[in-house]
Amino acid sequence: MRFLKQVHSKNFINLSLNQGVNVLVALVVTPYVFQTLGEDVFGVINLSLSIVMLFSILVNYGFHLNGPKRLALVRHSLEKKEVLINEILWTRLFVAVLLFSVLLLLINVFGVFHRQSVILLFSTIILLNEAVFPMFILQGLDRISWLAYGNVVTKVIYAFSIYLILRSPTQAKWVNFLFGMSAFMVNVVLLHLIYRAEKIKLRPPTFSALQVRFRENFHYFLSTIAGHISIHGGVVILSNFISDFQLGQYALAQRVAFLLRLVPMFIVQSILQQATRMYHEDRVKYHAYLSKAYITSLAITLFIGISFSLGAPYVIRVVGGDYIDFSADLLRVMSFIPFMSALNVKNITKILATERKSELVKATWVTACFMVLASLIGSYYYGAMGLAFALLLTEVINFAAHGMMLRLSASPNF
């Protein structure tokens, strides 16, 4: 019981429950969407979502990496807390508007993404949602349970709206729009509740303050770009080598695998603040704590990988509403992506806890470059299955790159 009362345990449980809701809704909504749209249109929907997700992570500007820790340090100062939260939110809103303008130019002026231009434009609401997403605030204030409650409401709204509105492939543009809009509405309400509970006010920062935020988080921004190229860039590359029909089959397996891949990230988010405090207070406890969390993450993700690989046919039948042999084969391979990702839990926690920005940027860009090369080769020669193995290899390279950067830069007591 003592374990369950610890902050990092509560955070992990809340984040896991949060993800459980996402999985449950995916099991309810995805079969309906897949059957209604067909494999080819479903593939285009997933491709558009991946493109917008690549843009949306730019909106975050790396604040999801260091924002919670900085907020935790000033949470007892009303003025500092208010300034930090407002400056981060306004910075992200500015980036969201800028990226929306860039997407409009790419689609309407340069004719990029012509296959899914309408769907992509309707998907841009996700950029605005990312700007107001209060995850960093709730992490820094240890109010992760609020996120879980908000996510339940979001997913209920999304599920009901999908079943009410989506009737044929001609309405495909509403799928990502409803996903983004339902989250945006709930996140705005969450922000209102946070501001009221913390007795802070929404104030626009000065332009010089925004400049400072842009400069100080630039390394995290670069690292975030590389990280999401590694995660979401593969499907964009794959779309150039296979049909929309095959892309839809891949998207079905990818949706499950990438939901599972969030587990290692949840572990890092759950332990980071505690690890940071221990690093500054007691290095012996810090290393013991990190090792214990690392072993736990490997055990959990290995169990997930084996379970979903063995149960791939059943999972695909449930998620897709029908058994698709190729999707099941892909999931058997991609189920081990979370385990491969968990190999890097200790390395990334060390880097974030000690703010080794330069090492983070180098390691993530090495990984991103490898992913692009491996995905191009794998997709060109072996299609979707080639990409699946390329993503597995990318996680191994990610682990090796971060480990190498730490060894090259670490002090004896690190």
Protein backbone atom coordinates (compact mmCIF):
# COMPACT_ATOMS: atom_id res chain seq x y z
CA MET A 1 0.00 0.00 0.00
CA ARG A 2 2.91 2.33 0.70
CA PHE A 3 4.06 1.90 -2.90
CA LEU A 4 0.63 2.99 -4.18
CA LYS A 5 0.77 6.17 -2.09
CA GLN A 6 4.03 7.37 -3.63
CA VAL A 7 3.69 10.26 -6.08
CA HIS A 8 5.44 8.51 -8.97
CA SER A 9 3.25 5.44 -8.46
CA LYS A 10 0.09 7.53 -8.48
CA ASN A 11 1.29 9.33 -11.61
CA PHE A 12 2.02 6.05 -13.41
CA ILE A 13 -1.33 4.56 -12.37
CA ASN A 14 -3.23 7.66 -13.54
CA LEU A 15 -1.33 7.77 -16.83
CA SER A 16 -1.91 4.04 -17.32
CA LEU A 17 -5.63 4.40 -16.61
CA ASN A 18 -5.62 7.34 -19.00
CA GLN A 19 -4.10 5.15 -21.68
CA GLY A 20 -6.53 2.37 -20.81
CA VAL A 21 -9.37 4.73 -21.72
CA ASN A 22 -7.64 5.48 -25.03
CA VAL A 23 -7.33 1.77 -25.79
CA LEU A 24 -10.95 1.10 -24.82
CA VAL A 25 -12.26 3.89 -27.04
CA ALA A 26 -10.00 2.73 -29.88
CA LEU A 27 -11.54 -0.73 -29.58
CA VAL A 28 -15.02 0.81 -29.79
CA VAL A 29 -14.45 3.49 -32.45
CA THR A 30 -11.76 2.07 -34.77
CA PRO A 31 -13.78 -0.93 -36.05
CA TYR A 32 -16.69 1.37 -36.93
CA VAL A 33 -14.45 3.93 -38.65
CA PHE A 34 -12.51 1.20 -40.47
CA GLN A 35 -15.67 -0.54 -41.71
CA THR A 36 -17.39 2.73 -42.67
CA LEU A 37 -14.48 4.28 -44.57
CA GLY A 38 -12.82 1.19 -46.03
CA GLU A 39 -9.13 0.33 -45.93
CA ASP A 40 -7.98 2.89 -48.51
CA VAL A 41 -9.71 5.94 -46.97
CA PHE A 42 -8.76 4.79 -43.46
CA GLY A 43 -5.12 4.78 -44.60
CA VAL A 44 -5.42 8.37 -45.85
CA ILE A 45 -7.01 9.40 -42.53
CA ASN A 46 -4.12 7.85 -40.61
CA LEU A 47 -1.56 9.47 -42.93
CA SER A 48 -3.16 12.89 -42.41
CA LEU A 49 -3.12 12.35 -38.66
CA SER A 50 0.58 11.44 -38.77
CA ILE A 51 1.38 14.59 -40.79
CA VAL A 52 -0.52 16.82 -38.36
CA MET A 53 1.09 15.06 -35.39
CA LEU A 54 4.50 15.89 -36.85
CA PHE A 55 3.44 19.54 -36.98
CA SER A 56 1.71 19.46 -33.59
CA ILE A 57 4.83 18.39 -31.76
CA LEU A 58 6.46 21.57 -33.03
CA VAL A 59 3.70 23.42 -31.18
CA ASN A 60 4.88 21.82 -27.95
CA TYR A 61 8.32 23.35 -28.54
CA GLY A 62 9.88 20.86 -26.12
CA PHE A 63 8.04 22.22 -23.07
CA HIS A 64 6.65 18.75 -22.34
CA LEU A 65 10.24 17.72 -21.55
CA ASN A 66 11.28 20.45 -19.09
CA GLY A 67 8.04 22.34 -18.35
CA PRO A 68 6.80 19.99 -15.57
CA LYS A 69 10.13 20.04 -13.75
CA ARG A 70 10.40 23.84 -13.88
CA LEU A 71 6.84 24.26 -12.69
CA ALA A 72 7.42 21.85 -9.81
CA LEU A 73 10.27 24.07 -8.59
CA VAL A 74 8.11 27.24 -8.46
CA ARG A 75 4.70 25.73 -7.62
CA HIS A 76 4.62 27.42 -4.21
CA SER A 77 5.25 30.89 -5.66
CA LEU A 78 2.04 32.36 -7.08
CA GLU A 79 3.79 34.99 -9.19
CA LYS A 80 6.48 32.72 -10.66
CA LYS A 81 3.96 29.98 -11.33
CA GLU A 82 1.63 32.36 -13.15
CA VAL A 83 4.42 33.81 -15.28
CA LEU A 84 5.79 30.39 -16.28
CA ILE A 85 2.41 28.90 -17.21
CA ASN A 86 1.31 31.95 -19.21
CA GLU A 87 4.59 32.28 -21.09
CA ILE A 88 4.59 28.61 -22.11
CA LEU A 89 0.93 28.68 -23.21
CA TRP A 90 1.30 31.87 -25.25
CA THR A 91 4.51 30.59 -26.85
CA ARG A 92 2.71 27.43 -27.97
CA LEU A 93 -0.29 29.39 -29.27
CA PHE A 94 2.04 31.58 -31.35
CA VAL A 95 3.74 28.50 -32.84
CA ALA A 96 0.35 26.86 -33.55
CA VAL A 97 -0.88 29.86 -35.54
CA LEU A 98 2.42 30.03 -37.42
CA LEU A 99 2.32 26.34 -38.35
CA PHE A 100 -1.32 26.56 -39.42
CA SER A 101 -0.29 29.34 -41.83
CA VAL A 102 2.57 27.21 -43.14
CA LEU A 103 0.22 24.28 -43.79
CA LEU A 104 -2.19 26.55 -45.66
CA LEU A 105 0.65 27.73 -47.89
CA LEU A 106 1.91 24.20 -48.52
CA ILE A 107 -1.56 22.94 -49.47
CA ASN A 108 -3.07 25.90 -51.36
CA VAL A 109 0.00 27.53 -52.93
CA PHE A 110 2.53 24.73 -53.44
CA GLY A 111 0.06 21.86 -53.88
CA VAL A 112 1.73 19.63 -51.29
CA PHE A 113 -0.36 16.81 -49.74
CA HIS A 114 -2.86 17.06 -52.63
CA ARG A 115 -4.20 13.53 -52.01
CA GLN A 116 -5.50 14.42 -48.56
CA SER A 117 -5.67 18.24 -48.63
CA VAL A 118 -9.28 18.56 -47.37
CA ILE A 119 -8.83 15.94 -44.65
CA LEU A 120 -5.54 17.57 -43.64
CA LEU A 121 -7.09 21.04 -43.35
CA PHE A 122 -9.85 19.71 -41.12
CA SER A 123 -7.19 17.97 -39.03
CA THR A 124 -5.40 21.22 -38.17
CA ILE A 125 -7.67 21.74 -35.15
CA ILE A 126 -5.23 19.31 -33.50
CA LEU A 127 -2.57 22.05 -33.64
CA LEU A 128 -4.74 24.38 -31.58
CA ASN A 129 -5.54 21.59 -29.15
CA GLU A 130 -1.84 20.89 -28.66
CA ALA A 131 -1.27 24.54 -27.78
CA VAL A 132 -3.79 24.46 -24.90
CA PHE A 133 -3.07 20.89 -23.73
CA PRO A 134 -2.33 21.34 -19.98
CA MET A 135 -0.30 18.17 -19.44
CA PHE A 136 2.86 20.01 -18.37
CA ILE A 137 0.86 22.00 -15.81
CA LEU A 138 -0.86 18.96 -14.35
CA GLN A 139 2.43 17.07 -14.15
CA GLY A 140 4.24 19.95 -12.49
CA LEU A 141 1.44 20.43 -9.96
CA ASP A 142 0.98 16.67 -9.36
CA ARG A 143 -2.61 16.76 -10.60
CA ILE A 144 -2.33 13.95 -13.14
CA SER A 145 -5.72 12.61 -12.04
CA TRP A 146 -7.32 15.69 -13.63
CA LEU A 147 -5.84 14.63 -16.95
CA ALA A 148 -7.40 11.19 -16.60
CA TYR A 149 -10.84 12.67 -15.87
CA GLY A 150 -10.54 15.09 -18.78
CA ASN A 151 -9.47 12.32 -21.12
CA VAL A 152 -12.52 10.22 -20.21
CA VAL A 153 -14.83 13.13 -21.07
CA THR A 154 -12.90 13.81 -24.29
CA LYS A 155 -13.09 10.24 -25.51
CA VAL A 156 -16.79 9.92 -24.65
CA ILE A 157 -17.56 13.07 -26.66
CA TYR A 158 -15.39 11.83 -29.53
CA ALA A 159 -16.97 8.36 -29.60
CA PHE A 160 -20.53 9.68 -29.55
CA SER A 161 -19.80 12.31 -32.22
CA ILE A 162 -18.20 9.70 -34.52
CA TYR A 163 -21.23 7.41 -34.29
CA LEU A 164 -23.62 10.35 -34.80
CA ILE A 165 -21.86 12.01 -37.74
CA LEU A 166 -19.81 9.44 -39.67
CA ARG A 167 -21.96 7.54 -42.17
CA SER A 168 -19.93 7.16 -45.39
CA PRO A 169 -16.40 7.63 -46.84
CA THR A 170 -17.41 11.10 -48.10
CA GLN A 171 -17.49 12.25 -44.46
CA ALA A 172 -13.92 11.13 -43.77
CA LYS A 173 -12.78 14.71 -43.13
CA TRP A 174 -14.71 14.75 -39.84
CA VAL A 175 -12.78 11.89 -38.18
CA ASN A 176 -9.62 13.82 -37.23
CA PHE A 177 -11.57 17.06 -36.80
CA LEU A 178 -13.85 15.50 -34.18
CA PHE A 179 -10.82 13.97 -32.47
CA GLY A 180 -9.13 17.38 -32.20
CA MET A 181 -12.24 19.42 -31.41
CA SER A 182 -13.45 17.18 -28.58
CA ALA A 183 -10.00 17.37 -26.95
CA PHE A 184 -9.75 21.13 -27.51
CA MET A 185 -13.07 21.85 -25.77
CA VAL A 186 -12.22 19.71 -22.74
CA ASN A 187 -8.69 21.13 -22.46
CA VAL A 188 -10.01 24.70 -22.45
CA VAL A 189 -12.30 23.75 -19.56
CA LEU A 190 -9.37 22.09 -17.76
CA LEU A 191 -7.28 25.24 -18.16
CA HIS A 192 -10.11 27.31 -16.67
CA LEU A 193 -10.32 24.97 -13.68
CA ILE A 194 -6.54 25.00 -13.20
CA TYR A 195 -6.36 28.80 -13.26
CA ARG A 196 -9.18 29.03 -10.76
CA ALA A 197 -7.78 26.34 -8.44
CA GLU A 198 -4.27 27.84 -8.47
CA LYS A 199 -5.60 31.43 -8.22
CA ILE A 200 -3.66 32.60 -11.24
CA LYS A 201 -4.77 34.82 -14.11
CA LEU A 202 -4.38 34.58 -17.88
CA ARG A 203 -2.01 37.38 -18.86
CA PRO A 204 -0.25 37.87 -22.21
CA PRO A 205 3.54 37.99 -21.75
CA THR A 206 5.85 40.59 -23.21
CA PHE A 207 7.48 39.91 -26.56
CA SER A 208 10.91 39.83 -24.91
CA ALA A 209 9.67 37.13 -22.51
CA LEU A 210 8.53 35.03 -25.47
CA GLN A 211 11.94 35.48 -27.08
CA VAL A 212 13.60 34.16 -23.93
CA ARG A 213 11.35 31.08 -23.95
CA PHE A 214 12.10 30.44 -27.62
CA ARG A 215 15.85 30.65 -27.01
CA GLU A 216 16.07 28.60 -23.82
CA ASN A 217 13.98 25.71 -25.16
CA PHE A 218 15.51 25.57 -28.64
CA HIS A 219 17.57 22.44 -27.88
CA TYR A 220 14.51 20.62 -26.57
CA PHE A 221 12.61 21.81 -29.65
CA LEU A 222 15.23 20.30 -31.98
CA SER A 223 15.21 17.07 -30.00
CA THR A 224 11.42 16.89 -30.13
CA ILE A 225 11.41 17.30 -33.92
CA ALA A 226 13.88 14.46 -34.30
CA GLY A 227 11.96 12.26 -31.89
CA HIS A 228 8.70 12.61 -33.73
CA ILE A 229 10.30 12.16 -37.13
CA SER A 230 11.49 8.83 -35.74
CA ILE A 231 7.97 7.93 -34.55
CA HIS A 232 5.60 9.42 -37.15
CA GLY A 233 7.83 9.93 -40.19
CA GLY A 234 7.82 6.30 -41.24
CA VAL A 235 4.20 6.19 -42.39
CA VAL A 236 4.75 9.34 -44.49
CA ILE A 237 7.69 7.63 -46.21
CA LEU A 238 5.73 4.39 -46.62
CA SER A 239 2.82 6.20 -48.31
CA ASN A 240 5.07 6.86 -51.33
CA PHE A 241 5.66 3.16 -51.99
CA ILE A 242 2.35 1.37 -51.36
CA SER A 243 -1.33 1.81 -52.24
CA ASP A 244 -3.91 3.44 -49.95
CA PHE A 245 -5.42 -0.02 -49.47
CA GLN A 246 -2.16 -1.43 -48.07
CA LEU A 247 -1.62 1.77 -46.10
CA GLY A 248 -4.93 1.15 -44.37
CA GLN A 249 -3.84 -2.36 -43.39
CA TYR A 250 -0.60 -0.96 -41.98
CA ALA A 251 -2.48 1.83 -40.17
CA LEU A 252 -4.57 -0.71 -38.28
CA ALA A 253 -1.50 -2.41 -36.80
CA GLN A 254 0.30 0.89 -36.26
CA ARG A 255 -2.57 2.33 -34.23
CA VAL A 256 -2.32 -0.52 -31.72
CA ALA A 257 1.49 -0.58 -31.61
CA PHE A 258 1.82 3.17 -31.08
CA LEU A 259 -0.73 3.16 -28.27
CA LEU A 260 1.41 0.53 -26.56
CA ARG A 261 4.58 2.52 -27.25
CA LEU A 262 3.34 5.23 -24.89
CA VAL A 263 3.95 2.96 -21.88
CA PRO A 264 7.72 3.68 -21.65
CA MET A 265 6.97 7.39 -22.00
CA PHE A 266 4.51 7.19 -19.10
CA ILE A 267 7.18 5.57 -16.95
CA VAL A 268 9.63 8.40 -17.69
CA GLN A 269 6.96 11.02 -16.98
CA SER A 270 6.10 9.29 -13.70
CA ILE A 271 9.63 9.07 -12.31
CA LEU A 272 11.34 12.17 -13.74
CA GLN A 273 10.55 14.66 -10.97
CA GLN A 274 11.52 12.21 -8.21
CA ALA A 275 14.69 11.23 -10.07
CA THR A 276 15.63 14.91 -10.47
CA ARG A 277 15.30 15.58 -6.74
CA MET A 278 17.30 12.45 -5.86
CA TYR A 279 20.06 13.39 -8.30
CA HIS A 280 20.64 16.65 -6.42
CA GLU A 281 20.13 15.20 -2.92
CA ASP A 282 21.45 11.62 -2.86
CA ARG A 283 23.27 10.03 -5.80
CA VAL A 284 23.20 6.53 -4.28
CA LYS A 285 19.40 6.57 -3.94
CA TYR A 286 19.17 8.15 -7.39
CA HIS A 287 21.00 5.27 -9.09
CA ALA A 288 19.09 2.63 -7.11
CA TYR A 289 15.76 4.28 -7.91
CA LEU A 290 16.61 4.55 -11.59
CA SER A 291 17.73 0.92 -11.84
CA LYS A 292 14.56 -0.32 -10.17
CA ALA A 293 12.35 1.74 -12.49
CA TYR A 294 14.35 0.52 -15.50
CA ILE A 295 13.94 -3.17 -14.65
CA THR A 296 10.22 -2.61 -14.04
CA SER A 297 9.78 -0.88 -17.41
CA LEU A 298 11.56 -3.70 -19.25
CA ALA A 299 9.45 -6.36 -17.52
CA ILE A 300 6.16 -4.57 -18.24
CA THR A 301 6.92 -3.89 -21.90
CA LEU A 302 8.30 -7.38 -22.54
CA PHE A 303 5.07 -8.84 -21.16
CA ILE A 304 3.08 -6.47 -23.39
CA GLY A 305 5.15 -7.42 -26.43
CA ILE A 306 4.75 -11.16 -25.96
CA SER A 307 1.04 -10.90 -25.13
CA PHE A 308 0.10 -8.74 -28.09
CA SER A 309 2.32 -10.64 -30.50
CA LEU A 310 0.69 -13.93 -29.58
CA GLY A 311 -2.77 -12.38 -29.56
CA ALA A 312 -2.29 -10.30 -32.74
CA PRO A 313 -5.03 -12.06 -34.79
CA TYR A 314 -7.60 -11.53 -32.05
CA VAL A 315 -6.54 -7.89 -31.47
CA ILE A 316 -6.81 -7.07 -35.18
CA ARG A 317 -10.21 -8.74 -35.38
CA VAL A 318 -11.44 -6.61 -32.46
CA VAL A 319 -9.85 -3.33 -33.57
CA GLY A 320 -10.66 -3.69 -37.28
CA GLY A 321 -14.03 -5.37 -36.94
CA ASP A 322 -12.72 -8.18 -39.17
CA TYR A 323 -9.63 -10.37 -39.38
CA ILE A 324 -6.97 -9.03 -41.75
CA ASP A 325 -4.06 -11.42 -42.07
CA PHE A 326 -1.43 -8.86 -43.14
CA SER A 327 -2.34 -6.45 -40.32
CA ALA A 328 -1.98 -9.30 -37.82
CA ASP A 329 1.46 -10.18 -39.24
CA LEU A 330 2.54 -6.55 -38.87
CA LEU A 331 1.28 -6.38 -35.29
CA ARG A 332 3.23 -9.52 -34.36
CA VAL A 333 6.39 -7.59 -35.20
CA MET A 334 5.36 -4.11 -34.02
CA SER A 335 4.18 -5.37 -30.62
CA PHE A 336 7.82 -5.38 -29.52
CA ILE A 337 8.35 -1.67 -30.29
CA PRO A 338 7.39 -0.71 -26.68
CA PHE A 339 10.01 -3.11 -25.27
CA MET A 340 12.69 -1.79 -27.61
CA SER A 341 11.69 1.75 -26.63
CA ALA A 342 11.90 0.86 -22.92
CA LEU A 343 15.59 0.01 -23.37
CA ASN A 344 16.17 3.77 -23.38
CA VAL A 345 14.15 4.64 -20.24
CA LYS A 346 17.21 4.93 -18.00
CA ASN A 347 19.22 6.94 -20.53
CA ILE A 348 16.48 9.48 -21.29
CA THR A 349 15.66 9.94 -17.60
CA LYS A 350 19.32 10.67 -16.85
CA ILE A 351 19.50 13.20 -19.67
CA LEU A 352 16.30 15.02 -18.69
CA ALA A 353 17.02 14.99 -14.94
CA THR A 354 20.41 16.62 -15.51
CA GLU A 355 19.33 18.85 -18.44
CA ARG A 356 21.98 17.58 -20.85
CA LYS A 357 20.42 19.36 -23.82
CA SER A 358 23.31 18.97 -26.23
CA GLU A 359 23.53 15.20 -25.74
CA LEU A 360 19.76 14.88 -26.18
CA VAL A 361 19.80 16.75 -29.48
CA LYS A 362 22.71 14.73 -30.87
CA ALA A 363 21.24 11.37 -29.89
CA THR A 364 17.74 12.08 -31.19
CA TRP A 365 19.01 13.36 -34.53
CA VAL A 366 21.27 10.33 -34.99
CA THR A 367 18.16 8.22 -34.40
CA ALA A 368 16.02 10.29 -36.78
CA CYS A 369 18.58 10.08 -39.59
CA PHE A 370 18.82 6.31 -39.16
CA MET A 371 15.02 5.99 -39.16
CA VAL A 372 14.67 7.92 -42.42
CA LEU A 373 17.34 5.82 -44.12
CA ALA A 374 16.06 2.50 -42.75
CA SER A 375 12.44 3.38 -43.56
CA LEU A 376 13.30 4.36 -47.12
CA ILE A 377 15.16 1.10 -47.71
CA GLY A 378 12.65 -1.08 -45.87
CA SER A 379 9.59 0.53 -47.47
CA TYR A 380 11.07 0.47 -50.97
CA TYR A 381 12.07 -3.19 -50.91
CA TYR A 382 9.59 -4.77 -48.49
CA GLY A 383 6.70 -2.32 -48.11
CA ALA A 384 4.87 -2.13 -44.79
CA MET A 385 6.69 -5.11 -43.27
CA GLY A 386 10.00 -3.49 -44.14
CA LEU A 387 8.92 -0.36 -42.27
CA ALA A 388 7.86 -2.43 -39.25
CA PHE A 389 11.34 -3.92 -38.93
CA ALA A 390 12.91 -0.51 -39.62
CA LEU A 391 11.01 0.94 -36.64
CA LEU A 392 12.24 -1.89 -34.40
CA LEU A 393 15.84 -1.26 -35.46
CA THR A 394 15.35 2.47 -34.91
CA GLU A 395 14.52 1.87 -31.23
CA VAL A 396 17.75 -0.12 -30.84
CA ILE A 397 19.76 2.68 -32.47
CA ASN A 398 17.95 5.18 -30.23
CA PHE A 399 19.10 3.25 -27.15
CA ALA A 400 22.68 2.97 -28.44
CA ALA A 401 22.90 6.65 -29.45
CA HIS A 402 21.67 7.98 -26.09
CA GLY A 403 23.94 5.58 -24.21
CA MET A 404 26.96 6.61 -26.27
CA MET A 405 26.30 10.33 -25.72
CA LEU A 406 26.00 9.78 -21.97
CA ARG A 407 29.26 7.82 -21.81
CA LEU A 408 31.11 10.49 -23.78
CA SER A 409 29.89 13.32 -21.55
CA ALA A 410 29.34 11.82 -18.10
CA SER A 411 31.34 12.82 -15.05
CA PRO A 412 32.55 10.08 -12.65
CA ASN A 413 29.57 10.68 -10.31
CA PHE A 414 26.96 10.81 -13.06
